[in-house]
């Protein structure tokens, strides 16, 4: 469970559909669209296995609706997965 103002980590598994154009890059971030701001920290993302990345140090510093973004870049092309998180 994610708690307000407490650090949390996210693990991301990337399974490409075909051949890769180059090395993958993964970035994780979040925003609070109702307040027009993001997190107060930048997540540290590291590759821990061939297809798994870990984002550490994320913090939702206030309750409300957050959008968690996972950006995967391959050969200069970025695709985004978005997860909505309601934090009370």
C-alpha atoms as a PDB file:
ATOM      1  CA  UNK A   1       0.000   0.000   0.000  1.00  0.00           C
ATOM      2  CA  UNK A   2       1.257   3.475  -0.875  1.00  0.00           C
ATOM      3  CA  UNK A   3       1.094   5.983   1.970  1.00  0.00           C
ATOM      4  CA  UNK A   4       1.132   9.780   1.770  1.00  0.00           C
ATOM      5  CA  UNK A   5       4.610  11.276   2.138  1.00  0.00           C
ATOM      6  CA  UNK A   6       6.329   7.866   2.384  1.00  0.00           C
ATOM      7  CA  UNK A   7       8.933   6.663  -0.146  1.00  0.00           C
ATOM      8  CA  UNK A   8       7.966   3.689  -2.299  1.00  0.00           C
ATOM      9  CA  UNK A   9       9.503   1.709  -5.156  1.00  0.00           C
ATOM     10  CA  UNK A  10       8.072   0.384  -8.418  1.00  0.00           C
ATOM     11  CA  UNK A  11       9.313  -2.594 -10.428  1.00  0.00           C
ATOM     12  CA  UNK A  12       8.738  -2.562 -14.183  1.00  0.00           C
ATOM     13  CA  UNK A  13       8.943  -5.582 -16.493  1.00  0.00           C
ATOM     14  CA  UNK A  14       9.408  -4.760 -20.176  1.00  0.00           C
ATOM     15  CA  UNK A  15       8.631  -7.456 -22.745  1.00  0.00           C
ATOM     16  CA  UNK A  16       9.361  -6.202 -26.284  1.00  0.00           C
ATOM     17  CA  UNK A  17       7.043  -7.382 -29.070  1.00  0.00           C
ATOM     18  CA  UNK A  18       9.862  -7.575 -31.626  1.00  0.00           C
ATOM     19  CA  UNK A  19      13.480  -6.677 -32.270  1.00  0.00           C
ATOM     20  CA  UNK A  20      14.832  -3.671 -30.390  1.00  0.00           C
ATOM     21  CA  UNK A  21      16.268  -0.674 -32.217  1.00  0.00           C
ATOM     22  CA  UNK A  22      18.769  -0.092 -29.428  1.00  0.00           C
ATOM     23  CA  UNK A  23      19.173  -0.321 -25.665  1.00  0.00           C
ATOM     24  CA  UNK A  24      15.954   0.367 -23.774  1.00  0.00           C
ATOM     25  CA  UNK A  25      15.621   3.322 -21.443  1.00  0.00           C
ATOM     26  CA  UNK A  26      12.973   3.371 -18.702  1.00  0.00           C
ATOM     27  CA  UNK A  27      11.838   6.462 -16.780  1.00  0.00           C
ATOM     28  CA  UNK A  28       9.208   6.692 -14.032  1.00  0.00           C
ATOM     29  CA  UNK A  29       7.498   9.902 -12.923  1.00  0.00           C
ATOM     30  CA  UNK A  30       4.144  11.107 -11.587  1.00  0.00           C
ATOM     31  CA  UNK A  31       1.938  14.194 -11.689  1.00  0.00           C
ATOM     32  CA  UNK A  32      -1.099  15.493  -9.892  1.00  0.00           C
ATOM     33  CA  UNK A  33      -3.163  16.902 -12.774  1.00  0.00           C
ATOM     34  CA  UNK A  34      -5.676  18.712 -10.552  1.00  0.00           C
ATOM     35  CA  UNK A  35      -2.850  20.713  -8.945  1.00  0.00           C
ATOM     36  CA  UNK A  36      -0.605  21.088 -12.031  1.00  0.00           C
ATOM     37  CA  UNK A  37       2.493  19.703 -10.292  1.00  0.00           C
ATOM     38  CA  UNK A  38       4.562  16.572 -10.050  1.00  0.00           C
ATOM     39  CA  UNK A  39       6.488  14.831  -7.327  1.00  0.00           C
ATOM     40  CA  UNK A  40       9.052  16.645  -5.221  1.00  0.00           C
ATOM     41  CA  UNK A  41      11.627  13.901  -5.892  1.00  0.00           C
ATOM     42  CA  UNK A  42      13.133  12.308  -8.976  1.00  0.00           C
ATOM     43  CA  UNK A  43      12.995   8.519  -9.026  1.00  0.00           C
ATOM     44  CA  UNK A  44      16.249   6.615  -9.469  1.00  0.00           C
ATOM     45  CA  UNK A  45      15.663   3.958 -12.154  1.00  0.00           C
ATOM     46  CA  UNK A  46      18.085   1.053 -12.522  1.00  0.00           C
ATOM     47  CA  UNK A  47      18.029  -2.149 -14.557  1.00  0.00           C
ATOM     48  CA  UNK A  48      18.071  -5.125 -12.184  1.00  0.00           C
ATOM     49  CA  UNK A  49      17.576  -7.979 -14.686  1.00  0.00           C
ATOM     50  CA  UNK A  50      17.412  -8.378 -18.459  1.00  0.00           C
ATOM     51  CA  UNK A  51      13.780  -7.233 -18.602  1.00  0.00           C
ATOM     52  CA  UNK A  52      13.203  -5.680 -15.150  1.00  0.00           C
ATOM     53  CA  UNK A  53      13.846  -2.125 -13.972  1.00  0.00           C
ATOM     54  CA  UNK A  54      13.360  -0.730 -10.475  1.00  0.00           C
ATOM     55  CA  UNK A  55      12.350   2.869  -9.735  1.00  0.00           C
ATOM     56  CA  UNK A  56      13.272   3.879  -6.196  1.00  0.00           C
ATOM     57  CA  UNK A  57      12.482   6.886  -4.061  1.00  0.00           C
ATOM     58  CA  UNK A  58       9.078   7.897  -5.412  1.00  0.00           C
ATOM     59  CA  UNK A  59       6.953   9.936  -2.986  1.00  0.00           C
ATOM     60  CA  UNK A  60       3.349  11.100  -3.315  1.00  0.00           C
ATOM     61  CA  UNK A  61       3.622  14.069  -0.965  1.00  0.00           C
ATOM     62  CA  UNK A  62      -0.107  14.800  -0.718  1.00  0.00           C
ATOM     63  CA  UNK A  63      -3.410  12.898  -0.981  1.00  0.00           C
ATOM     64  CA  UNK A  64      -5.518  12.990  -4.126  1.00  0.00           C
ATOM     65  CA  UNK A  65      -5.430  11.660  -7.680  1.00  0.00           C
ATOM     66  CA  UNK A  66      -1.994  11.002  -9.137  1.00  0.00           C
ATOM     67  CA  UNK A  67      -0.974   9.824 -12.599  1.00  0.00           C
ATOM     68  CA  UNK A  68       2.044   7.492 -12.539  1.00  0.00           C
ATOM     69  CA  UNK A  69       3.970   7.492 -15.841  1.00  0.00           C
ATOM     70  CA  UNK A  70       6.281   4.777 -17.110  1.00  0.00           C
ATOM     71  CA  UNK A  71       8.158   5.864 -20.245  1.00  0.00           C
ATOM     72  CA  UNK A  72       9.974   3.236 -22.296  1.00  0.00           C
ATOM     73  CA  UNK A  73      12.322   4.514 -24.999  1.00  0.00           C
ATOM     74  CA  UNK A  74      13.760   2.342 -27.758  1.00  0.00           C
ATOM     75  CA  UNK A  75      15.784   3.879 -30.581  1.00  0.00           C
ATOM     76  CA  UNK A  76      14.527   7.408 -29.875  1.00  0.00           C
ATOM     77  CA  UNK A  77      10.839   6.365 -29.818  1.00  0.00           C
ATOM     78  CA  UNK A  78       9.060   6.641 -26.466  1.00  0.00           C
ATOM     79  CA  UNK A  79       5.887   4.856 -25.409  1.00  0.00           C
ATOM     80  CA  UNK A  80       4.100   5.745 -22.176  1.00  0.00           C
ATOM     81  CA  UNK A  81       2.072   3.612 -19.793  1.00  0.00           C
ATOM     82  CA  UNK A  82      -0.093   5.581 -17.375  1.00  0.00           C
ATOM     83  CA  UNK A  83      -1.610   4.350 -14.131  1.00  0.00           C
ATOM     84  CA  UNK A  84      -4.087   6.384 -12.097  1.00  0.00           C
ATOM     85  CA  UNK A  85      -3.572   6.290  -8.325  1.00  0.00           C
ATOM     86  CA  UNK A  86      -6.146   7.660  -5.875  1.00  0.00           C
ATOM     87  CA  UNK A  87      -4.369   8.306  -2.594  1.00  0.00           C
ATOM     88  CA  UNK A  88      -6.393   9.017   0.537  1.00  0.00           C
END
